[in-house]
């Protein structure tokens, strides 16, 4: 009720369309802080600070908290509520556009609408550990197995960079306003996946292309992805794909393991990134 009254007194109405669902269950917030295994030496990033109810708990356990809030109305409320915390730095900005500061861990109730983009940015930033709240449907995609309906480009991209734990499911009643679906607290621990792709940019291109044709065989998915093969015709692409091992070529994209996608990416990288495939296929 405290948060609801605070918003009413300030004349603020949260936007479901913008994914504004503030976590108001104190017990869940405290468990999120526990899951993060914080120490006084940690600098913690929080994305979507809202009115600062999680921020204050983080500030009591971490050395420094960098809290980001895009909505200026909420930012000003948080600034007022957190004015006595000397180890909190509040920024009114868009996380997806800002230069990411140096930090150790991230603990956030992410705005649902930026879950994918924010997660990719975080995993590329060098974080040590993350505790994040996602829609349950999204969280299940993070741990999906090859061949399942939830298995996706997101699954592979995250698994290549982190171990994922689903910690607990949170009912809509824990949020203000309540979303239509439940949420799940997830812990990410970055790791080096083996084998590593020879060329990460090529891997990302191949991964995106494959899952645009997720129910097709790999051979057909690549054949219908001309952007991977600049300057080539379909017949030239077909000729190159004859050299792809049958156990990869004939498999459905949806059934490909991350390791197999790395093999596939390395195969295409060995063809000089696709840019000179035409020369290879037409040379005597």
C-alpha atoms as a PDB file:
ATOM      1  CA  UNK A   1       0.000   0.000   0.000  1.00  0.00           C
ATOM      2  CA  UNK A   2       2.886   2.360   0.695  1.00  0.00           C
ATOM      3  CA  UNK A   3       4.015   2.320  -2.954  1.00  0.00           C
ATOM      4  CA  UNK A   4       0.449   2.649  -4.237  1.00  0.00           C
ATOM      5  CA  UNK A   5      -0.190   5.650  -1.993  1.00  0.00           C
ATOM      6  CA  UNK A   6       3.126   7.184  -2.989  1.00  0.00           C
ATOM      7  CA  UNK A   7       2.226   6.938  -6.673  1.00  0.00           C
ATOM      8  CA  UNK A   8      -1.272   8.305  -6.102  1.00  0.00           C
ATOM      9  CA  UNK A   9       0.002  11.238  -4.073  1.00  0.00           C
ATOM     10  CA  UNK A  10       2.450  12.017  -6.884  1.00  0.00           C
ATOM     11  CA  UNK A  11      -0.208  11.703  -9.580  1.00  0.00           C
ATOM     12  CA  UNK A  12       1.683   8.900 -11.338  1.00  0.00           C
ATOM     13  CA  UNK A  13      -0.101   6.192 -13.305  1.00  0.00           C
ATOM     14  CA  UNK A  14       2.096   3.328 -14.406  1.00  0.00           C
ATOM     15  CA  UNK A  15       1.930   2.167 -18.013  1.00  0.00           C
ATOM     16  CA  UNK A  16       1.365  -1.544 -18.617  1.00  0.00           C
ATOM     17  CA  UNK A  17       2.072  -0.914 -22.290  1.00  0.00           C
ATOM     18  CA  UNK A  18       5.558   0.311 -21.357  1.00  0.00           C
ATOM     19  CA  UNK A  19       6.076  -2.753 -19.160  1.00  0.00           C
ATOM     20  CA  UNK A  20       5.979  -0.780 -15.910  1.00  0.00           C
ATOM     21  CA  UNK A  21       5.240  -3.347 -13.210  1.00  0.00           C
ATOM     22  CA  UNK A  22       6.861  -2.458  -9.887  1.00  0.00           C
ATOM     23  CA  UNK A  23       7.781  -5.303  -7.551  1.00  0.00           C
ATOM     24  CA  UNK A  24       6.078  -4.519  -4.244  1.00  0.00           C
ATOM     25  CA  UNK A  25       6.489  -7.802  -2.345  1.00  0.00           C
ATOM     26  CA  UNK A  26       9.154  -7.107   0.259  1.00  0.00           C
ATOM     27  CA  UNK A  27       9.916 -10.781   0.904  1.00  0.00           C
ATOM     28  CA  UNK A  28      10.624 -11.425  -2.787  1.00  0.00           C
ATOM     29  CA  UNK A  29      12.834  -8.345  -2.992  1.00  0.00           C
ATOM     30  CA  UNK A  30      14.845  -9.529   0.013  1.00  0.00           C
ATOM     31  CA  UNK A  31      15.301 -12.977  -1.522  1.00  0.00           C
ATOM     32  CA  UNK A  32      16.519 -11.413  -4.761  1.00  0.00           C
ATOM     33  CA  UNK A  33      19.202  -9.599  -2.797  1.00  0.00           C
ATOM     34  CA  UNK A  34      20.162 -12.864  -1.078  1.00  0.00           C
ATOM     35  CA  UNK A  35      20.394 -14.676  -4.432  1.00  0.00           C
ATOM     36  CA  UNK A  36      22.933 -12.096  -5.609  1.00  0.00           C
ATOM     37  CA  UNK A  37      25.487 -13.098  -2.950  1.00  0.00           C
ATOM     38  CA  UNK A  38      26.497  -9.480  -2.429  1.00  0.00           C
ATOM     39  CA  UNK A  39      29.540  -8.222  -0.562  1.00  0.00           C
ATOM     40  CA  UNK A  40      30.732  -4.720   0.406  1.00  0.00           C
ATOM     41  CA  UNK A  41      33.217  -4.843  -2.471  1.00  0.00           C
ATOM     42  CA  UNK A  42      30.493  -5.259  -5.124  1.00  0.00           C
ATOM     43  CA  UNK A  43      29.245  -2.561  -7.458  1.00  0.00           C
ATOM     44  CA  UNK A  44      25.679  -3.481  -8.405  1.00  0.00           C
ATOM     45  CA  UNK A  45      23.727  -2.326 -11.435  1.00  0.00           C
ATOM     46  CA  UNK A  46      19.938  -2.043 -11.253  1.00  0.00           C
ATOM     47  CA  UNK A  47      17.897  -1.512 -14.425  1.00  0.00           C
ATOM     48  CA  UNK A  48      14.424  -0.092 -13.975  1.00  0.00           C
ATOM     49  CA  UNK A  49      14.808   1.193 -10.427  1.00  0.00           C
ATOM     50  CA  UNK A  50      11.219   2.414 -10.206  1.00  0.00           C
ATOM     51  CA  UNK A  51      10.718   4.203  -6.893  1.00  0.00           C
ATOM     52  CA  UNK A  52      13.790   2.600  -5.309  1.00  0.00           C
ATOM     53  CA  UNK A  53      12.336  -0.154  -3.112  1.00  0.00           C
ATOM     54  CA  UNK A  54      14.850  -2.740  -4.377  1.00  0.00           C
ATOM     55  CA  UNK A  55      17.585  -0.106  -4.625  1.00  0.00           C
ATOM     56  CA  UNK A  56      17.537   0.580  -0.891  1.00  0.00           C
ATOM     57  CA  UNK A  57      17.949  -3.121  -0.073  1.00  0.00           C
ATOM     58  CA  UNK A  58      20.877  -3.399  -2.470  1.00  0.00           C
ATOM     59  CA  UNK A  59      22.503  -0.322  -0.944  1.00  0.00           C
ATOM     60  CA  UNK A  60      22.499  -1.970   2.484  1.00  0.00           C
ATOM     61  CA  UNK A  61      24.538  -4.947   1.227  1.00  0.00           C
ATOM     62  CA  UNK A  62      26.699  -3.697  -1.659  1.00  0.00           C
ATOM     63  CA  UNK A  63      29.544  -1.224  -1.788  1.00  0.00           C
ATOM     64  CA  UNK A  64      27.892   0.839  -4.523  1.00  0.00           C
ATOM     65  CA  UNK A  65      24.609   0.760  -6.452  1.00  0.00           C
ATOM     66  CA  UNK A  66      24.203   2.212  -9.945  1.00  0.00           C
ATOM     67  CA  UNK A  67      20.445   2.511 -10.456  1.00  0.00           C
ATOM     68  CA  UNK A  68      18.966   3.378 -13.856  1.00  0.00           C
ATOM     69  CA  UNK A  69      15.397   4.601 -14.385  1.00  0.00           C
ATOM     70  CA  UNK A  70      14.101   5.869 -17.727  1.00  0.00           C
ATOM     71  CA  UNK A  71      10.837   7.415 -16.461  1.00  0.00           C
ATOM     72  CA  UNK A  72      11.676  10.838 -15.062  1.00  0.00           C
ATOM     73  CA  UNK A  73       8.629  10.836 -12.760  1.00  0.00           C
ATOM     74  CA  UNK A  74       9.776   7.634 -11.065  1.00  0.00           C
ATOM     75  CA  UNK A  75      13.390   8.800 -11.092  1.00  0.00           C
ATOM     76  CA  UNK A  76      12.479  11.926  -9.098  1.00  0.00           C
ATOM     77  CA  UNK A  77      10.535   9.854  -6.568  1.00  0.00           C
ATOM     78  CA  UNK A  78      13.431   7.426  -6.174  1.00  0.00           C
ATOM     79  CA  UNK A  79      15.863  10.309  -5.828  1.00  0.00           C
ATOM     80  CA  UNK A  80      13.811  11.709  -2.963  1.00  0.00           C
ATOM     81  CA  UNK A  81      13.393   8.342  -1.205  1.00  0.00           C
ATOM     82  CA  UNK A  82      17.075   7.400  -1.537  1.00  0.00           C
ATOM     83  CA  UNK A  83      18.631  10.753  -0.664  1.00  0.00           C
ATOM     84  CA  UNK A  84      20.204   9.383   2.542  1.00  0.00           C
ATOM     85  CA  UNK A  85      22.017   6.523   0.786  1.00  0.00           C
ATOM     86  CA  UNK A  86      25.474   7.844  -0.035  1.00  0.00           C
ATOM     87  CA  UNK A  87      26.469   4.731  -2.003  1.00  0.00           C
ATOM     88  CA  UNK A  88      23.622   5.034  -4.533  1.00  0.00           C
ATOM     89  CA  UNK A  89      24.097   6.710  -7.904  1.00  0.00           C
ATOM     90  CA  UNK A  90      20.809   7.293  -9.743  1.00  0.00           C
ATOM     91  CA  UNK A  91      20.702   7.937 -13.476  1.00  0.00           C
ATOM     92  CA  UNK A  92      17.655   8.994 -15.463  1.00  0.00           C
ATOM     93  CA  UNK A  93      18.405   7.358 -18.793  1.00  0.00           C
ATOM     94  CA  UNK A  94      17.587   4.485 -21.139  1.00  0.00           C
ATOM     95  CA  UNK A  95      19.725   1.438 -20.364  1.00  0.00           C
ATOM     96  CA  UNK A  96      19.600   0.285 -23.985  1.00  0.00           C
ATOM     97  CA  UNK A  97      21.162   3.557 -25.155  1.00  0.00           C
ATOM     98  CA  UNK A  98      23.555   4.422 -22.346  1.00  0.00           C
ATOM     99  CA  UNK A  99      27.218   3.535 -22.160  1.00  0.00           C
ATOM    100  CA  UNK A 100      27.333   0.679 -19.675  1.00  0.00           C
ATOM    101  CA  UNK A 101      29.353   1.654 -16.587  1.00  0.00           C
ATOM    102  CA  UNK A 102      31.781  -0.659 -14.841  1.00  0.00           C
ATOM    103  CA  UNK A 103      29.968  -2.997 -12.436  1.00  0.00           C
ATOM    104  CA  UNK A 104      30.218  -6.466 -10.885  1.00  0.00           C
ATOM    105  CA  UNK A 105      26.672  -7.763 -10.561  1.00  0.00           C
ATOM    106  CA  UNK A 106      23.214  -6.855 -11.793  1.00  0.00           C
ATOM    107  CA  UNK A 107      20.031  -7.236  -9.759  1.00  0.00           C
ATOM    108  CA  UNK A 108      16.891  -6.007 -11.488  1.00  0.00           C
ATOM    109  CA  UNK A 109      13.216  -6.354 -12.094  1.00  0.00           C
ATOM    110  CA  UNK A 110      13.673  -5.773 -15.802  1.00  0.00           C
ATOM    111  CA  UNK A 111      10.925  -4.015 -17.737  1.00  0.00           C
ATOM    112  CA  UNK A 112       9.432  -6.972 -19.597  1.00  0.00           C
ATOM    113  CA  UNK A 113       9.575  -5.193 -22.946  1.00  0.00           C
ATOM    114  CA  UNK A 114      13.377  -5.023 -22.993  1.00  0.00           C
ATOM    115  CA  UNK A 115      14.163  -8.490 -21.627  1.00  0.00           C
ATOM    116  CA  UNK A 116      15.995  -9.800 -24.708  1.00  0.00           C
ATOM    117  CA  UNK A 117      17.922  -6.640 -25.555  1.00  0.00           C
ATOM    118  CA  UNK A 118      18.938  -5.980 -21.966  1.00  0.00           C
ATOM    119  CA  UNK A 119      20.055  -9.570 -21.411  1.00  0.00           C
ATOM    120  CA  UNK A 120      22.272  -9.575 -24.502  1.00  0.00           C
ATOM    121  CA  UNK A 121      23.832  -6.255 -23.472  1.00  0.00           C
ATOM    122  CA  UNK A 122      24.514  -7.523 -19.971  1.00  0.00           C
ATOM    123  CA  UNK A 123      26.107 -10.781 -21.099  1.00  0.00           C
ATOM    124  CA  UNK A 124      28.468  -8.840 -23.336  1.00  0.00           C
ATOM    125  CA  UNK A 125      29.426  -6.433 -20.545  1.00  0.00           C
ATOM    126  CA  UNK A 126      31.567  -8.712 -18.391  1.00  0.00           C
ATOM    127  CA  UNK A 127      29.251  -9.086 -15.396  1.00  0.00           C
ATOM    128  CA  UNK A 128      30.105 -11.623 -12.698  1.00  0.00           C
ATOM    129  CA  UNK A 129      26.539 -12.575 -11.740  1.00  0.00           C
ATOM    130  CA  UNK A 130      22.994 -11.506 -12.511  1.00  0.00           C
ATOM    131  CA  UNK A 131      19.682 -11.891 -10.681  1.00  0.00           C
ATOM    132  CA  UNK A 132      16.869 -10.819 -12.971  1.00  0.00           C
ATOM    133  CA  UNK A 133      13.098 -11.058 -13.110  1.00  0.00           C
ATOM    134  CA  UNK A 134      11.506 -12.098 -16.395  1.00  0.00           C
ATOM    135  CA  UNK A 135       8.076 -13.147 -17.570  1.00  0.00           C
ATOM    136  CA  UNK A 136       7.871 -16.884 -16.850  1.00  0.00           C
ATOM    137  CA  UNK A 137       7.355 -17.701 -20.528  1.00  0.00           C
ATOM    138  CA  UNK A 138      10.582 -15.840 -21.355  1.00  0.00           C
ATOM    139  CA  UNK A 139      12.475 -17.515 -18.499  1.00  0.00           C
ATOM    140  CA  UNK A 140      11.488 -20.972 -19.746  1.00  0.00           C
ATOM    141  CA  UNK A 141      12.990 -20.153 -23.130  1.00  0.00           C
ATOM    142  CA  UNK A 142      16.336 -19.562 -21.424  1.00  0.00           C
ATOM    143  CA  UNK A 143      16.531 -23.187 -20.251  1.00  0.00           C
ATOM    144  CA  UNK A 144      14.673 -24.918 -23.092  1.00  0.00           C
ATOM    145  CA  UNK A 145      16.096 -28.101 -24.604  1.00  0.00           C
ATOM    146  CA  UNK A 146      16.699 -28.676 -28.341  1.00  0.00           C
ATOM    147  CA  UNK A 147      13.552 -29.934 -30.039  1.00  0.00           C
ATOM    148  CA  UNK A 148      11.155 -28.285 -27.579  1.00  0.00           C
ATOM    149  CA  UNK A 149       8.728 -25.532 -28.558  1.00  0.00           C
ATOM    150  CA  UNK A 150      10.469 -23.038 -26.250  1.00  0.00           C
ATOM    151  CA  UNK A 151      13.897 -23.637 -27.825  1.00  0.00           C
ATOM    152  CA  UNK A 152      14.969 -20.494 -29.677  1.00  0.00           C
ATOM    153  CA  UNK A 153      17.752 -18.227 -30.804  1.00  0.00           C
ATOM    154  CA  UNK A 154      17.593 -16.659 -27.341  1.00  0.00           C
ATOM    155  CA  UNK A 155      18.162 -20.066 -25.700  1.00  0.00           C
ATOM    156  CA  UNK A 156      21.326 -20.703 -27.683  1.00  0.00           C
ATOM    157  CA  UNK A 157      22.712 -17.172 -27.402  1.00  0.00           C
ATOM    158  CA  UNK A 158      22.327 -17.105 -23.612  1.00  0.00           C
ATOM    159  CA  UNK A 159      23.554 -20.668 -23.067  1.00  0.00           C
ATOM    160  CA  UNK A 160      26.720 -19.847 -24.990  1.00  0.00           C
ATOM    161  CA  UNK A 161      27.568 -17.225 -22.399  1.00  0.00           C
ATOM    162  CA  UNK A 162      25.999 -18.203 -19.081  1.00  0.00           C
ATOM    163  CA  UNK A 163      24.666 -20.888 -16.790  1.00  0.00           C
ATOM    164  CA  UNK A 164      20.980 -20.249 -16.120  1.00  0.00           C
ATOM    165  CA  UNK A 165      19.054 -21.096 -12.929  1.00  0.00           C
ATOM    166  CA  UNK A 166      15.302 -20.612 -12.506  1.00  0.00           C
ATOM    167  CA  UNK A 167      15.038 -19.700  -8.829  1.00  0.00           C
ATOM    168  CA  UNK A 168      11.380 -19.041  -8.111  1.00  0.00           C
ATOM    169  CA  UNK A 169       8.104 -18.162  -9.807  1.00  0.00           C
ATOM    170  CA  UNK A 170       6.373 -14.965  -8.716  1.00  0.00           C
ATOM    171  CA  UNK A 171       2.595 -14.460  -8.980  1.00  0.00           C
ATOM    172  CA  UNK A 172       1.164 -11.301 -10.592  1.00  0.00           C
ATOM    173  CA  UNK A 173      -0.048 -10.117  -7.168  1.00  0.00           C
ATOM    174  CA  UNK A 174       3.562  -9.279  -6.224  1.00  0.00           C
ATOM    175  CA  UNK A 175       3.601  -6.442  -8.763  1.00  0.00           C
ATOM    176  CA  UNK A 176       1.935  -3.069  -9.138  1.00  0.00           C
ATOM    177  CA  UNK A 177       0.025  -3.020 -11.406  1.00  0.00           C
ATOM    178  CA  UNK A 178      -0.308  -6.826 -11.626  1.00  0.00           C
ATOM    179  CA  UNK A 179       0.764  -8.175 -15.036  1.00  0.00           C
ATOM    180  CA  UNK A 180      -1.413 -10.728 -16.825  1.00  0.00           C
ATOM    181  CA  UNK A 181       1.222 -13.442 -16.421  1.00  0.00           C
ATOM    182  CA  UNK A 182       3.559 -14.708 -13.715  1.00  0.00           C
ATOM    183  CA  UNK A 183       7.241 -13.832 -13.497  1.00  0.00           C
ATOM    184  CA  UNK A 184      10.316 -15.870 -12.613  1.00  0.00           C
ATOM    185  CA  UNK A 185      13.520 -14.896 -10.823  1.00  0.00           C
ATOM    186  CA  UNK A 186      16.539 -16.097 -12.800  1.00  0.00           C
ATOM    187  CA  UNK A 187      20.218 -16.218 -11.876  1.00  0.00           C
ATOM    188  CA  UNK A 188      22.853 -15.948 -14.605  1.00  0.00           C
ATOM    189  CA  UNK A 189      26.464 -16.965 -14.034  1.00  0.00           C
ATOM    190  CA  UNK A 190      28.673 -16.111 -17.012  1.00  0.00           C
ATOM    191  CA  UNK A 191      30.887 -18.894 -18.307  1.00  0.00           C
ATOM    192  CA  UNK A 192      33.068 -19.701 -21.281  1.00  0.00           C
ATOM    193  CA  UNK A 193      31.176 -22.155 -23.488  1.00  0.00           C
ATOM    194  CA  UNK A 194      33.162 -24.873 -25.220  1.00  0.00           C
ATOM    195  CA  UNK A 195      33.706 -25.111 -28.073  1.00  0.00           C
ATOM    196  CA  UNK A 196      33.949 -21.391 -28.822  1.00  0.00           C
ATOM    197  CA  UNK A 197      33.060 -20.204 -32.352  1.00  0.00           C
ATOM    198  CA  UNK A 198      36.028 -19.178 -34.471  1.00  0.00           C
ATOM    199  CA  UNK A 199      34.192 -15.993 -35.418  1.00  0.00           C
ATOM    200  CA  UNK A 200      31.557 -14.663 -32.999  1.00  0.00           C
ATOM    201  CA  UNK A 201      30.061 -12.226 -35.498  1.00  0.00           C
ATOM    202  CA  UNK A 202      29.605 -15.032 -38.032  1.00  0.00           C
ATOM    203  CA  UNK A 203      28.095 -17.219 -35.308  1.00  0.00           C
ATOM    204  CA  UNK A 204      25.532 -14.528 -34.450  1.00  0.00           C
ATOM    205  CA  UNK A 205      24.637 -14.135 -38.142  1.00  0.00           C
ATOM    206  CA  UNK A 206      24.195 -17.881 -38.605  1.00  0.00           C
ATOM    207  CA  UNK A 207      22.164 -18.225 -35.411  1.00  0.00           C
ATOM    208  CA  UNK A 208      19.781 -15.455 -36.446  1.00  0.00           C
ATOM    209  CA  UNK A 209      19.412 -16.873 -39.961  1.00  0.00           C
ATOM    210  CA  UNK A 210      18.710 -20.399 -38.729  1.00  0.00           C
ATOM    211  CA  UNK A 211      15.943 -19.461 -36.334  1.00  0.00           C
ATOM    212  CA  UNK A 212      14.164 -17.439 -38.990  1.00  0.00           C
ATOM    213  CA  UNK A 213      13.487 -20.893 -40.483  1.00  0.00           C
ATOM    214  CA  UNK A 214      13.330 -22.873 -37.229  1.00  0.00           C
ATOM    215  CA  UNK A 215      11.189 -25.757 -38.536  1.00  0.00           C
ATOM    216  CA  UNK A 216      13.173 -26.317 -41.725  1.00  0.00           C
ATOM    217  CA  UNK A 217      16.164 -28.558 -42.276  1.00  0.00           C
ATOM    218  CA  UNK A 218      19.455 -26.742 -41.820  1.00  0.00           C
ATOM    219  CA  UNK A 219      20.338 -27.073 -45.512  1.00  0.00           C
ATOM    220  CA  UNK A 220      17.141 -25.338 -46.587  1.00  0.00           C
ATOM    221  CA  UNK A 221      17.389 -22.690 -43.868  1.00  0.00           C
ATOM    222  CA  UNK A 222      20.855 -21.689 -45.089  1.00  0.00           C
ATOM    223  CA  UNK A 223      19.842 -21.888 -48.727  1.00  0.00           C
ATOM    224  CA  UNK A 224      17.091 -19.350 -48.041  1.00  0.00           C
ATOM    225  CA  UNK A 225      19.385 -16.979 -46.119  1.00  0.00           C
ATOM    226  CA  UNK A 226      21.140 -15.078 -48.944  1.00  0.00           C
ATOM    227  CA  UNK A 227      22.414 -12.375 -46.569  1.00  0.00           C
ATOM    228  CA  UNK A 228      24.901 -14.960 -45.241  1.00  0.00           C
ATOM    229  CA  UNK A 229      26.328 -15.388 -48.732  1.00  0.00           C
ATOM    230  CA  UNK A 230      26.797 -11.952 -50.310  1.00  0.00           C
ATOM    231  CA  UNK A 231      27.047 -11.955 -54.086  1.00  0.00           C
ATOM    232  CA  UNK A 232      26.073 -15.607 -54.577  1.00  0.00           C
ATOM    233  CA  UNK A 233      23.252 -17.287 -56.447  1.00  0.00           C
ATOM    234  CA  UNK A 234      21.061 -20.046 -55.043  1.00  0.00           C
ATOM    235  CA  UNK A 235      22.828 -22.613 -57.230  1.00  0.00           C
ATOM    236  CA  UNK A 236      26.215 -21.522 -55.848  1.00  0.00           C
ATOM    237  CA  UNK A 237      24.927 -21.766 -52.290  1.00  0.00           C
ATOM    238  CA  UNK A 238      23.513 -25.205 -53.017  1.00  0.00           C
ATOM    239  CA  UNK A 239      26.904 -26.340 -54.333  1.00  0.00           C
ATOM    240  CA  UNK A 240      28.694 -25.189 -51.177  1.00  0.00           C
ATOM    241  CA  UNK A 241      26.115 -26.860 -48.933  1.00  0.00           C
ATOM    242  CA  UNK A 242      26.869 -30.203 -50.568  1.00  0.00           C
ATOM    243  CA  UNK A 243      30.053 -30.176 -48.471  1.00  0.00           C
ATOM    244  CA  UNK A 244      28.144 -29.752 -45.217  1.00  0.00           C
ATOM    245  CA  UNK A 245      28.142 -32.988 -43.149  1.00  0.00           C
ATOM    246  CA  UNK A 246      24.832 -34.810 -43.593  1.00  0.00           C
ATOM    247  CA  UNK A 247      24.215 -35.049 -39.840  1.00  0.00           C
ATOM    248  CA  UNK A 248      24.063 -31.247 -39.772  1.00  0.00           C
ATOM    249  CA  UNK A 249      22.502 -30.550 -43.159  1.00  0.00           C
ATOM    250  CA  UNK A 250      19.520 -32.858 -42.673  1.00  0.00           C
ATOM    251  CA  UNK A 251      18.726 -31.874 -39.107  1.00  0.00           C
ATOM    252  CA  UNK A 252      15.863 -29.529 -38.255  1.00  0.00           C
ATOM    253  CA  UNK A 253      17.016 -26.167 -36.943  1.00  0.00           C
ATOM    254  CA  UNK A 254      14.839 -26.697 -33.863  1.00  0.00           C
ATOM    255  CA  UNK A 255      16.796 -29.865 -33.018  1.00  0.00           C
ATOM    256  CA  UNK A 256      20.283 -28.333 -33.311  1.00  0.00           C
ATOM    257  CA  UNK A 257      22.335 -28.221 -30.108  1.00  0.00           C
ATOM    258  CA  UNK A 258      24.511 -25.162 -29.399  1.00  0.00           C
ATOM    259  CA  UNK A 259      27.603 -27.296 -30.118  1.00  0.00           C
ATOM    260  CA  UNK A 260      26.248 -28.229 -33.541  1.00  0.00           C
ATOM    261  CA  UNK A 261      25.478 -24.611 -34.359  1.00  0.00           C
ATOM    262  CA  UNK A 262      29.091 -23.759 -33.505  1.00  0.00           C
ATOM    263  CA  UNK A 263      30.253 -26.482 -35.929  1.00  0.00           C
ATOM    264  CA  UNK A 264      27.974 -25.064 -38.598  1.00  0.00           C
ATOM    265  CA  UNK A 265      29.197 -21.525 -38.009  1.00  0.00           C
ATOM    266  CA  UNK A 266      32.816 -22.675 -38.217  1.00  0.00           C
ATOM    267  CA  UNK A 267      32.053 -24.441 -41.498  1.00  0.00           C
ATOM    268  CA  UNK A 268      30.732 -21.203 -42.986  1.00  0.00           C
ATOM    269  CA  UNK A 269      33.665 -19.261 -41.543  1.00  0.00           C
ATOM    270  CA  UNK A 270      36.017 -21.679 -43.296  1.00  0.00           C
ATOM    271  CA  UNK A 271      34.337 -20.633 -46.531  1.00  0.00           C
ATOM    272  CA  UNK A 272      35.889 -17.209 -45.912  1.00  0.00           C
ATOM    273  CA  UNK A 273      32.833 -15.739 -44.236  1.00  0.00           C
ATOM    274  CA  UNK A 274      30.658 -16.177 -47.300  1.00  0.00           C
ATOM    275  CA  UNK A 275      32.081 -13.141 -49.054  1.00  0.00           C
ATOM    276  CA  UNK A 276      34.185 -15.148 -51.511  1.00  0.00           C
ATOM    277  CA  UNK A 277      32.091 -18.281 -51.829  1.00  0.00           C
ATOM    278  CA  UNK A 278      31.305 -17.323 -55.386  1.00  0.00           C
ATOM    279  CA  UNK A 279      35.002 -17.449 -56.240  1.00  0.00           C
ATOM    280  CA  UNK A 280      35.317 -20.899 -54.649  1.00  0.00           C
ATOM    281  CA  UNK A 281      32.344 -22.380 -56.452  1.00  0.00           C
ATOM    282  CA  UNK A 282      33.200 -21.006 -59.884  1.00  0.00           C
ATOM    283  CA  UNK A 283      36.968 -21.488 -59.893  1.00  0.00           C
ATOM    284  CA  UNK A 284      38.388 -24.378 -61.991  1.00  0.00           C
END
